[in-house]
Amino acid sequence: MNDKIRIRLKAYDHRLLDQSVREIVDTVRRTGGRVAGPIPLPTHIERFTVNRSPHVDKKSREQFEIRTHKRLLDILEPTQQTIDALGKLDLAAGVDVEIKLQ
């Protein structure tokens, strides 16, 4: 079968992301697979600067930011039971999951 499955997760809320990672790790270990990770990847911070007032006071500004948290999981030597269980796993709506077979 495949040697490795690489799962990359992204979310704005780190608590939701960690909960999803725990669910995946528990599922893989329960079905007999080995897990490498979770590896925390760098958090991407996107900042937006806007004027506080539409008229004067150009120096008065406000900053907003969006933080994208990322985690990486490697499933080594996955069994067919592991792949089936991961397919049926229901994760939170705010988590983006990207799966690669290597």
PDB file of N, CA and C in Angstrom:
ATOM      1  N   MET A   1       0.842  -1.181   0.000  1.00  0.00           N
ATOM      2  CA  MET A   1       0.000   0.000   0.000  1.00  0.00           C
ATOM      3  C   MET A   1       0.889   1.247   0.000  1.00  0.00           C
ATOM      4  N   ASN A   2       0.327   2.384   0.335  1.00  0.00           N
ATOM      5  CA  ASN A   2       1.095   3.633   0.366  1.00  0.00           C
ATOM      6  C   ASN A   2       2.024   3.653   1.568  1.00  0.00           C
ATOM      7  N   ASP A   3       3.150   4.318   1.414  1.00  0.00           N
ATOM      8  CA  ASP A   3       4.110   4.401   2.509  1.00  0.00           C
ATOM      9  C   ASP A   3       3.706   5.432   3.549  1.00  0.00           C
ATOM     10  N   LYS A   4       3.093   6.541   3.088  1.00  0.00           N
ATOM     11  CA  LYS A   4       2.837   7.637   4.018  1.00  0.00           C
ATOM     12  C   LYS A   4       1.653   8.468   3.540  1.00  0.00           C
ATOM     13  N   ILE A   5       0.877   8.954   4.510  1.00  0.00           N
ATOM     14  CA  ILE A   5      -0.188   9.920   4.242  1.00  0.00           C
ATOM     15  C   ILE A   5       0.187  11.190   4.983  1.00  0.00           C
ATOM     16  N   ARG A   6       0.226  12.311   4.265  1.00  0.00           N
ATOM     17  CA  ARG A   6       0.550  13.601   4.885  1.00  0.00           C
ATOM     18  C   ARG A   6      -0.729  14.433   4.963  1.00  0.00           C
ATOM     19  N   ILE A   7      -1.071  14.844   6.183  1.00  0.00           N
ATOM     20  CA  ILE A   7      -2.273  15.644   6.412  1.00  0.00           C
ATOM     21  C   ILE A   7      -1.840  17.017   6.899  1.00  0.00           C
ATOM     22  N   ARG A   8      -2.314  18.047   6.209  1.00  0.00           N
ATOM     23  CA  ARG A   8      -2.010  19.429   6.590  1.00  0.00           C
ATOM     24  C   ARG A   8      -3.320  20.106   6.966  1.00  0.00           C
ATOM     25  N   LEU A   9      -3.375  20.642   8.182  1.00  0.00           N
ATOM     26  CA  LEU A   9      -4.591  21.272   8.681  1.00  0.00           C
ATOM     27  C   LEU A   9      -4.359  22.764   8.867  1.00  0.00           C
ATOM     28  N   LYS A  10      -5.382  23.570   8.535  1.00  0.00           N
ATOM     29  CA  LYS A  10      -5.319  25.026   8.716  1.00  0.00           C
ATOM     30  C   LYS A  10      -6.608  25.481   9.376  1.00  0.00           C
ATOM     31  N   ALA A  11      -6.487  26.466  10.278  1.00  0.00           N
ATOM     32  CA  ALA A  11      -7.672  27.041  10.915  1.00  0.00           C
ATOM     33  C   ALA A  11      -7.316  28.399  11.494  1.00  0.00           C
ATOM     34  N   TYR A  12      -8.342  29.232  11.678  1.00  0.00           N
ATOM     35  CA  TYR A  12      -8.148  30.529  12.323  1.00  0.00           C
ATOM     36  C   TYR A  12      -8.128  30.391  13.839  1.00  0.00           C
ATOM     37  N   ASP A  13      -8.804  29.382  14.376  1.00  0.00           N
ATOM     38  CA  ASP A  13      -8.886  29.161  15.822  1.00  0.00           C
ATOM     39  C   ASP A  13      -7.970  27.993  16.196  1.00  0.00           C
ATOM     40  N   HIS A  14      -6.950  28.255  17.007  1.00  0.00           N
ATOM     41  CA  HIS A  14      -5.975  27.206  17.336  1.00  0.00           C
ATOM     42  C   HIS A  14      -6.573  26.124  18.228  1.00  0.00           C
ATOM     43  N   ARG A  15      -7.570  26.448  19.045  1.00  0.00           N
ATOM     44  CA  ARG A  15      -8.194  25.426  19.901  1.00  0.00           C
ATOM     45  C   ARG A  15      -8.959  24.413  19.051  1.00  0.00           C
ATOM     46  N   LEU A  16      -9.670  24.904  18.057  1.00  0.00           N
ATOM     47  CA  LEU A  16     -10.410  24.034  17.145  1.00  0.00           C
ATOM     48  C   LEU A  16      -9.449  23.149  16.344  1.00  0.00           C
ATOM     49  N   LEU A  17      -8.321  23.723  15.967  1.00  0.00           N
ATOM     50  CA  LEU A  17      -7.309  22.987  15.215  1.00  0.00           C
ATOM     51  C   LEU A  17      -6.702  21.869  16.057  1.00  0.00           C
ATOM     52  N   ASP A  18      -6.342  22.177  17.302  1.00  0.00           N
ATOM     53  CA  ASP A  18      -5.756  21.163  18.185  1.00  0.00           C
ATOM     54  C   ASP A  18      -6.744  20.045  18.495  1.00  0.00           C
ATOM     55  N   GLN A  19      -8.027  20.381  18.631  1.00  0.00           N
ATOM     56  CA  GLN A  19      -9.055  19.367  18.880  1.00  0.00           C
ATOM     57  C   GLN A  19      -9.166  18.427  17.668  1.00  0.00           C
ATOM     58  N   SER A  20      -9.136  18.973  16.463  1.00  0.00           N
ATOM     59  CA  SER A  20      -9.213  18.148  15.253  1.00  0.00           C
ATOM     60  C   SER A  20      -7.991  17.251  15.116  1.00  0.00           C
ATOM     61  N   VAL A  21      -6.815  17.778  15.459  1.00  0.00           N
ATOM     62  CA  VAL A  21      -5.588  16.981  15.407  1.00  0.00           C
ATOM     63  C   VAL A  21      -5.677  15.817  16.389  1.00  0.00           C
ATOM     64  N   ARG A  22      -6.183  16.082  17.601  1.00  0.00           N
ATOM     65  CA  ARG A  22      -6.336  15.005  18.594  1.00  0.00           C
ATOM     66  C   ARG A  22      -7.278  13.920  18.091  1.00  0.00           C
ATOM     67  N   GLU A  23      -8.379  14.313  17.437  1.00  0.00           N
ATOM     68  CA  GLU A  23      -9.328  13.328  16.909  1.00  0.00           C
ATOM     69  C   GLU A  23      -8.666  12.453  15.843  1.00  0.00           C
ATOM     70  N   ILE A  24      -7.884  13.067  14.963  1.00  0.00           N
ATOM     71  CA  ILE A  24      -7.209  12.302  13.908  1.00  0.00           C
ATOM     72  C   ILE A  24      -6.181  11.349  14.509  1.00  0.00           C
ATOM     73  N   VAL A  25      -5.377  11.834  15.452  1.00  0.00           N
ATOM     74  CA  VAL A  25      -4.343  10.999  16.074  1.00  0.00           C
ATOM     75  C   VAL A  25      -4.974   9.826  16.821  1.00  0.00           C
ATOM     76  N   ASP A  26      -6.054  10.076  17.563  1.00  0.00           N
ATOM     77  CA  ASP A  26      -6.736   8.995  18.282  1.00  0.00           C
ATOM     78  C   ASP A  26      -7.284   7.950  17.316  1.00  0.00           C
ATOM     79  N   THR A  27      -7.866   8.405  16.207  1.00  0.00           N
ATOM     80  CA  THR A  27      -8.427   7.481  15.221  1.00  0.00           C
ATOM     81  C   THR A  27      -7.338   6.619  14.592  1.00  0.00           C
ATOM     82  N   VAL A  28      -6.215   7.233  14.243  1.00  0.00           N
ATOM     83  CA  VAL A  28      -5.129   6.486  13.600  1.00  0.00           C
ATOM     84  C   VAL A  28      -4.532   5.470  14.565  1.00  0.00           C
ATOM     85  N   ARG A  29      -4.297   5.869  15.799  1.00  0.00           N
ATOM     86  CA  ARG A  29      -3.708   4.937  16.778  1.00  0.00           C
ATOM     87  C   ARG A  29      -4.665   3.799  17.114  1.00  0.00           C
ATOM     88  N   ARG A  30      -5.968   4.089  17.133  1.00  0.00           N
ATOM     89  CA  ARG A  30      -6.958   3.060  17.447  1.00  0.00           C
ATOM     90  C   ARG A  30      -7.028   2.004  16.341  1.00  0.00           C
ATOM     91  N   THR A  31      -6.750   2.409  15.089  1.00  0.00           N
ATOM     92  CA  THR A  31      -6.841   1.473  13.970  1.00  0.00           C
ATOM     93  C   THR A  31      -5.502   0.845  13.606  1.00  0.00           C
ATOM     94  N   GLY A  32      -4.469   1.103  14.400  1.00  0.00           N
ATOM     95  CA  GLY A  32      -3.201   0.415  14.204  1.00  0.00           C
ATOM     96  C   GLY A  32      -2.180   1.139  13.355  1.00  0.00           C
ATOM     97  N   GLY A  33      -2.351   2.419  13.117  1.00  0.00           N
ATOM     98  CA  GLY A  33      -1.369   3.181  12.341  1.00  0.00           C
ATOM     99  C   GLY A  33      -0.386   3.899  13.247  1.00  0.00           C
ATOM    100  N   ARG A  34       0.718   4.348  12.658  1.00  0.00           N
ATOM    101  CA  ARG A  34       1.706   5.132  13.406  1.00  0.00           C
ATOM    102  C   ARG A  34       1.620   6.579  12.967  1.00  0.00           C
ATOM    103  N   VAL A  35       1.762   7.494  13.938  1.00  0.00           N
ATOM    104  CA  VAL A  35       1.633   8.922  13.652  1.00  0.00           C
ATOM    105  C   VAL A  35       2.944   9.627  13.971  1.00  0.00           C
ATOM    106  N   ALA A  36       3.409  10.464  13.046  1.00  0.00           N
ATOM    107  CA  ALA A  36       4.533  11.364  13.299  1.00  0.00           C
ATOM    108  C   ALA A  36       3.956  12.773  13.379  1.00  0.00           C
ATOM    109  N   GLY A  37       4.100  13.391  14.513  1.00  0.00           N
ATOM    110  CA  GLY A  37       3.554  14.743  14.676  1.00  0.00           C
ATOM    111  C   GLY A  37       2.580  14.779  15.818  1.00  0.00           C
ATOM    112  N   PRO A  38       1.797  15.780  15.946  1.00  0.00           N
ATOM    113  CA  PRO A  38       1.596  16.916  15.045  1.00  0.00           C
ATOM    114  C   PRO A  38       2.757  17.905  15.106  1.00  0.00           C
ATOM    115  N   ILE A  39       3.119  18.406  13.951  1.00  0.00           N
ATOM    116  CA  ILE A  39       4.200  19.381  13.842  1.00  0.00           C
ATOM    117  C   ILE A  39       3.562  20.755  13.644  1.00  0.00           C
ATOM    118  N   PRO A  40       3.775  21.691  14.566  1.00  0.00           N
ATOM    119  CA  PRO A  40       3.208  23.031  14.371  1.00  0.00           C
ATOM    120  C   PRO A  40       4.022  23.799  13.330  1.00  0.00           C
ATOM    121  N   LEU A  41       3.355  24.252  12.290  1.00  0.00           N
ATOM    122  CA  LEU A  41       3.998  25.053  11.257  1.00  0.00           C
ATOM    123  C   LEU A  41       3.854  26.534  11.608  1.00  0.00           C
ATOM    124  N   PRO A  42       4.634  27.412  10.988  1.00  0.00           N
ATOM    125  CA  PRO A  42       4.553  28.837  11.328  1.00  0.00           C
ATOM    126  C   PRO A  42       3.156  29.415  11.099  1.00  0.00           C
ATOM    127  N   THR A  43       2.748  30.279  12.016  1.00  0.00           N
ATOM    128  CA  THR A  43       1.449  30.935  11.924  1.00  0.00           C
ATOM    129  C   THR A  43       1.552  32.103  10.949  1.00  0.00           C
ATOM    130  N   HIS A  44       0.649  32.132   9.973  1.00  0.00           N
ATOM    131  CA  HIS A  44       0.637  33.221   8.994  1.00  0.00           C
ATOM    132  C   HIS A  44      -0.242  34.344   9.540  1.00  0.00           C
ATOM    133  N   ILE A  45       0.329  35.543   9.653  1.00  0.00           N
ATOM    134  CA  ILE A  45      -0.402  36.694  10.186  1.00  0.00           C
ATOM    135  C   ILE A  45      -0.600  37.691   9.052  1.00  0.00           C
ATOM    136  N   GLU A  46      -1.864  37.987   8.745  1.00  0.00           N
ATOM    137  CA  GLU A  46      -2.186  38.969   7.718  1.00  0.00           C
ATOM    138  C   GLU A  46      -2.788  40.185   8.403  1.00  0.00           C
ATOM    139  N   ARG A  47      -2.150  41.352   8.223  1.00  0.00           N
ATOM    140  CA  ARG A  47      -2.590  42.571   8.901  1.00  0.00           C
ATOM    141  C   ARG A  47      -3.227  43.530   7.907  1.00  0.00           C
ATOM    142  N   PHE A  48      -4.297  44.197   8.369  1.00  0.00           N
ATOM    143  CA  PHE A  48      -4.985  45.210   7.583  1.00  0.00           C
ATOM    144  C   PHE A  48      -4.974  46.502   8.378  1.00  0.00           C
ATOM    145  N   THR A  49      -4.525  47.600   7.772  1.00  0.00           N
ATOM    146  CA  THR A  49      -4.487  48.897   8.435  1.00  0.00           C
ATOM    147  C   THR A  49      -5.497  49.808   7.752  1.00  0.00           C
ATOM    148  N   VAL A  50      -6.386  50.400   8.549  1.00  0.00           N
ATOM    149  CA  VAL A  50      -7.419  51.298   8.015  1.00  0.00           C
ATOM    150  C   VAL A  50      -7.413  52.602   8.804  1.00  0.00           C
ATOM    151  N   ASN A  51      -7.883  53.675   8.149  1.00  0.00           N
ATOM    152  CA  ASN A  51      -8.028  54.954   8.847  1.00  0.00           C
ATOM    153  C   ASN A  51      -9.192  54.865   9.821  1.00  0.00           C
ATOM    154  N   ARG A  52      -9.032  55.467  10.992  1.00  0.00           N
ATOM    155  CA  ARG A  52     -10.124  55.476  11.968  1.00  0.00           C
ATOM    156  C   ARG A  52     -11.229  56.433  11.540  1.00  0.00           C
ATOM    157  N   SER A  53     -10.856  57.503  10.857  1.00  0.00           N
ATOM    158  CA  SER A  53     -11.807  58.546  10.489  1.00  0.00           C
ATOM    159  C   SER A  53     -11.758  58.756   8.975  1.00  0.00           C
ATOM    160  N   PRO A  54     -12.887  59.047   8.338  1.00  0.00           N
ATOM    161  CA  PRO A  54     -12.864  59.257   6.889  1.00  0.00           C
ATOM    162  C   PRO A  54     -12.302  60.624   6.473  1.00  0.00           C
ATOM    163  N   HIS A  55     -12.209  61.598   7.420  1.00  0.00           N
ATOM    164  CA  HIS A  55     -11.770  62.948   7.052  1.00  0.00           C
ATOM    165  C   HIS A  55     -10.298  63.168   7.370  1.00  0.00           C
ATOM    166  N   VAL A  56     -10.031  63.934   8.395  1.00  0.00           N
ATOM    167  CA  VAL A  56      -8.663  64.297   8.750  1.00  0.00           C
ATOM    168  C   VAL A  56      -8.067  63.230   9.656  1.00  0.00           C
ATOM    169  N   ASP A  57      -7.011  63.551  10.339  1.00  0.00           N
ATOM    170  CA  ASP A  57      -6.333  62.625  11.255  1.00  0.00           C
ATOM    171  C   ASP A  57      -5.777  61.407  10.513  1.00  0.00           C
ATOM    172  N   LYS A  58      -4.908  61.692   9.575  1.00  0.00           N
ATOM    173  CA  LYS A  58      -4.282  60.618   8.809  1.00  0.00           C
ATOM    174  C   LYS A  58      -3.423  59.712   9.695  1.00  0.00           C
ATOM    175  N   LYS A  59      -2.905  60.258  10.792  1.00  0.00           N
ATOM    176  CA  LYS A  59      -2.046  59.469  11.675  1.00  0.00           C
ATOM    177  C   LYS A  59      -2.841  58.530  12.577  1.00  0.00           C
ATOM    178  N   SER A  60      -4.127  58.745  12.678  1.00  0.00           N
ATOM    179  CA  SER A  60      -4.964  57.899  13.530  1.00  0.00           C
ATOM    180  C   SER A  60      -5.447  56.704  12.713  1.00  0.00           C
ATOM    181  N   ARG A  61      -4.853  55.566  12.973  1.00  0.00           N
ATOM    182  CA  ARG A  61      -5.191  54.359  12.221  1.00  0.00           C
ATOM    183  C   ARG A  61      -5.490  53.207  13.164  1.00  0.00           C
ATOM    184  N   GLU A  62      -6.114  52.187  12.612  1.00  0.00           N
ATOM    185  CA  GLU A  62      -6.440  50.998  13.391  1.00  0.00           C
ATOM    186  C   GLU A  62      -5.965  49.778  12.612  1.00  0.00           C
ATOM    187  N   GLN A  63      -5.454  48.785  13.332  1.00  0.00           N
ATOM    188  CA  GLN A  63      -4.953  47.583  12.678  1.00  0.00           C
ATOM    189  C   GLN A  63      -5.784  46.369  13.081  1.00  0.00           C
ATOM    190  N   PHE A  64      -6.076  45.543  12.091  1.00  0.00           N
ATOM    191  CA  PHE A  64      -6.759  44.273  12.309  1.00  0.00           C
ATOM    192  C   PHE A  64      -5.858  43.177  11.758  1.00  0.00           C
ATOM    193  N   GLU A  65      -5.974  41.976  12.319  1.00  0.00           N
ATOM    194  CA  GLU A  65      -5.150  40.880  11.820  1.00  0.00           C
ATOM    195  C   GLU A  65      -5.932  39.577  11.824  1.00  0.00           C
ATOM    196  N   ILE A  66      -5.557  38.719  10.891  1.00  0.00           N
ATOM    197  CA  ILE A  66      -6.095  37.363  10.804  1.00  0.00           C
ATOM    198  C   ILE A  66      -4.912  36.420  10.957  1.00  0.00           C
ATOM    199  N   ARG A  67      -4.995  35.515  11.920  1.00  0.00           N
ATOM    200  CA  ARG A  67      -3.932  34.531  12.137  1.00  0.00           C
ATOM    201  C   ARG A  67      -4.395  33.177  11.606  1.00  0.00           C
ATOM    202  N   THR A  68      -3.581  32.585  10.743  1.00  0.00           N
ATOM    203  CA  THR A  68      -3.870  31.259  10.207  1.00  0.00           C
ATOM    204  C   THR A  68      -2.890  30.278  10.840  1.00  0.00           C
ATOM    205  N   HIS A  69      -3.411  29.393  11.688  1.00  0.00           N
ATOM    206  CA  HIS A  69      -2.594  28.392  12.375  1.00  0.00           C
ATOM    207  C   HIS A  69      -2.556  27.131  11.517  1.00  0.00           C
ATOM    208  N   LYS A  70      -1.393  26.457  11.499  1.00  0.00           N
ATOM    209  CA  LYS A  70      -1.225  25.276  10.657  1.00  0.00           C
ATOM    210  C   LYS A  70      -0.558  24.153  11.443  1.00  0.00           C
ATOM    211  N   ARG A  71      -0.953  22.920  11.131  1.00  0.00           N
ATOM    212  CA  ARG A  71      -0.350  21.728  11.726  1.00  0.00           C
ATOM    213  C   ARG A  71      -0.103  20.709  10.615  1.00  0.00           C
ATOM    214  N   LEU A  72       0.915  19.880  10.823  1.00  0.00           N
ATOM    215  CA  LEU A  72       1.266  18.843   9.860  1.00  0.00           C
ATOM    216  C   LEU A  72       1.301  17.499  10.574  1.00  0.00           C
ATOM    217  N   LEU A  73       0.649  16.501   9.981  1.00  0.00           N
ATOM    218  CA  LEU A  73       0.630  15.139  10.522  1.00  0.00           C
ATOM    219  C   LEU A  73       1.097  14.178   9.436  1.00  0.00           C
ATOM    220  N   ASP A  74       1.943  13.233   9.795  1.00  0.00           N
ATOM    221  CA  ASP A  74       2.332  12.159   8.889  1.00  0.00           C
ATOM    222  C   ASP A  74       1.832  10.847   9.471  1.00  0.00           C
ATOM    223  N   ILE A  75       1.125  10.080   8.650  1.00  0.00           N
ATOM    224  CA  ILE A  75       0.668   8.754   9.058  1.00  0.00           C
ATOM    225  C   ILE A  75       1.555   7.757   8.325  1.00  0.00           C
ATOM    226  N   LEU A  76       2.365   7.040   9.076  1.00  0.00           N
ATOM    227  CA  LEU A  76       3.327   6.105   8.507  1.00  0.00           C
ATOM    228  C   LEU A  76       2.719   4.710   8.449  1.00  0.00           C
ATOM    229  N   GLU A  77       2.908   4.039   7.339  1.00  0.00           N
ATOM    230  CA  GLU A  77       2.412   2.675   7.126  1.00  0.00           C
ATOM    231  C   GLU A  77       0.926   2.549   7.464  1.00  0.00           C
ATOM    232  N   PRO A  78       0.057   3.290   6.778  1.00  0.00           N
ATOM    233  CA  PRO A  78      -1.375   3.218   7.095  1.00  0.00           C
ATOM    234  C   PRO A  78      -1.988   1.898   6.623  1.00  0.00           C
ATOM    235  N   THR A  79      -2.893   1.369   7.413  1.00  0.00           N
ATOM    236  CA  THR A  79      -3.624   0.166   7.031  1.00  0.00           C
ATOM    237  C   THR A  79      -4.905   0.584   6.313  1.00  0.00           C
ATOM    238  N   GLN A  80      -5.566  -0.373   5.691  1.00  0.00           N
ATOM    239  CA  GLN A  80      -6.836  -0.078   5.012  1.00  0.00           C
ATOM    240  C   GLN A  80      -7.887   0.366   6.026  1.00  0.00           C
ATOM    241  N   GLN A  81      -7.831  -0.210   7.211  1.00  0.00           N
ATOM    242  CA  GLN A  81      -8.765   0.166   8.277  1.00  0.00           C
ATOM    243  C   GLN A  81      -8.546   1.625   8.691  1.00  0.00           C
ATOM    244  N   THR A  82      -7.297   2.073   8.722  1.00  0.00           N
ATOM    245  CA  THR A  82      -6.977   3.463   9.063  1.00  0.00           C
ATOM    246  C   THR A  82      -7.538   4.415   8.016  1.00  0.00           C
ATOM    247  N   ILE A  83      -7.370   4.080   6.745  1.00  0.00           N
ATOM    248  CA  ILE A  83      -7.855   4.939   5.664  1.00  0.00           C
ATOM    249  C   ILE A  83      -9.374   5.028   5.692  1.00  0.00           C
ATOM    250  N   ASP A  84     -10.058   3.901   5.933  1.00  0.00           N
ATOM    251  CA  ASP A  84     -11.521   3.914   6.021  1.00  0.00           C
ATOM    252  C   ASP A  84     -11.999   4.757   7.197  1.00  0.00           C
ATOM    253  N   ALA A  85     -11.326   4.631   8.345  1.00  0.00           N
ATOM    254  CA  ALA A  85     -11.730   5.392   9.531  1.00  0.00           C
ATOM    255  C   ALA A  85     -11.511   6.888   9.326  1.00  0.00           C
ATOM    256  N   LEU A  86     -10.425   7.267   8.646  1.00  0.00           N
ATOM    257  CA  LEU A  86     -10.178   8.684   8.374  1.00  0.00           C
ATOM    258  C   LEU A  86     -11.211   9.250   7.402  1.00  0.00           C
ATOM    259  N   GLY A  87     -11.666   8.434   6.471  1.00  0.00           N
ATOM    260  CA  GLY A  87     -12.694   8.882   5.532  1.00  0.00           C
ATOM    261  C   GLY A  87     -14.022   9.144   6.203  1.00  0.00           C
ATOM    262  N   LYS A  88     -14.320   8.402   7.252  1.00  0.00           N
ATOM    263  CA  LYS A  88     -15.590   8.560   7.968  1.00  0.00           C
ATOM    264  C   LYS A  88     -15.516   9.588   9.083  1.00  0.00           C
ATOM    265  N   LEU A  89     -14.312  10.089   9.381  1.00  0.00           N
ATOM    266  CA  LEU A  89     -14.125  11.027  10.491  1.00  0.00           C
ATOM    267  C   LEU A  89     -14.762  12.371  10.160  1.00  0.00           C
ATOM    268  N   ASP A  90     -15.538  12.902  11.107  1.00  0.00           N
ATOM    269  CA  ASP A  90     -16.226  14.176  10.921  1.00  0.00           C
ATOM    270  C   ASP A  90     -15.511  15.242  11.742  1.00  0.00           C
ATOM    271  N   LEU A  91     -14.827  16.173  11.056  1.00  0.00           N
ATOM    272  CA  LEU A  91     -14.078  17.229  11.735  1.00  0.00           C
ATOM    273  C   LEU A  91     -14.893  18.516  11.776  1.00  0.00           C
ATOM    274  N   ALA A  92     -14.405  19.480  12.546  1.00  0.00           N
ATOM    275  CA  ALA A  92     -15.094  20.756  12.709  1.00  0.00           C
ATOM    276  C   ALA A  92     -15.128  21.517  11.379  1.00  0.00           C
ATOM    277  N   ALA A  93     -16.120  22.388  11.240  1.00  0.00           N
ATOM    278  CA  ALA A  93     -16.323  23.114   9.987  1.00  0.00           C
ATOM    279  C   ALA A  93     -15.253  24.174   9.741  1.00  0.00           C
ATOM    280  N   GLY A  94     -14.612  24.680  10.779  1.00  0.00           N
ATOM    281  CA  GLY A  94     -13.636  25.749  10.618  1.00  0.00           C
ATOM    282  C   GLY A  94     -12.227  25.275  10.328  1.00  0.00           C
ATOM    283  N   VAL A  95     -12.047  23.984  10.043  1.00  0.00           N
ATOM    284  CA  VAL A  95     -10.712  23.430   9.816  1.00  0.00           C
ATOM    285  C   VAL A  95     -10.600  22.986   8.359  1.00  0.00           C
ATOM    286  N   ASP A  96      -9.558  23.476   7.672  1.00  0.00           N
ATOM    287  CA  ASP A  96      -9.279  23.091   6.294  1.00  0.00           C
ATOM    288  C   ASP A  96      -8.304  21.915   6.317  1.00  0.00           C
ATOM    289  N   VAL A  97      -8.661  20.828   5.648  1.00  0.00           N
ATOM    290  CA  VAL A  97      -7.845  19.609   5.651  1.00  0.00           C
ATOM    291  C   VAL A  97      -7.329  19.360   4.240  1.00  0.00           C
ATOM    292  N   GLU A  98      -6.024  19.152   4.128  1.00  0.00           N
ATOM    293  CA  GLU A  98      -5.391  18.842   2.847  1.00  0.00           C
ATOM    294  C   GLU A  98      -4.638  17.524   3.021  1.00  0.00           C
ATOM    295  N   ILE A  99      -4.994  16.515   2.209  1.00  0.00           N
ATOM    296  CA  ILE A  99      -4.419  15.177   2.352  1.00  0.00           C
ATOM    297  C   ILE A  99      -3.619  14.835   1.098  1.00  0.00           C
ATOM    298  N   LYS A 100      -2.387  14.349   1.305  1.00  0.00           N
ATOM    299  CA  LYS A 100      -1.540  13.908   0.197  1.00  0.00           C
ATOM    300  C   LYS A 100      -1.070  12.488   0.475  1.00  0.00           C
ATOM    301  N   LEU A 101      -1.142  11.646  -0.549  1.00  0.00           N
ATOM    302  CA  LEU A 101      -0.625  10.281  -0.453  1.00  0.00           C
ATOM    303  C   LEU A 101       0.774  10.272  -1.052  1.00  0.00           C
ATOM    304  N   GLN A 102       1.744   9.764  -0.292  1.00  0.00           N
ATOM    305  CA  GLN A 102       3.126   9.756  -0.780  1.00  0.00           C
ATOM    306  C   GLN A 102       3.676   8.356  -0.774  1.00  0.00           C
TER     307      GLN A 102
END
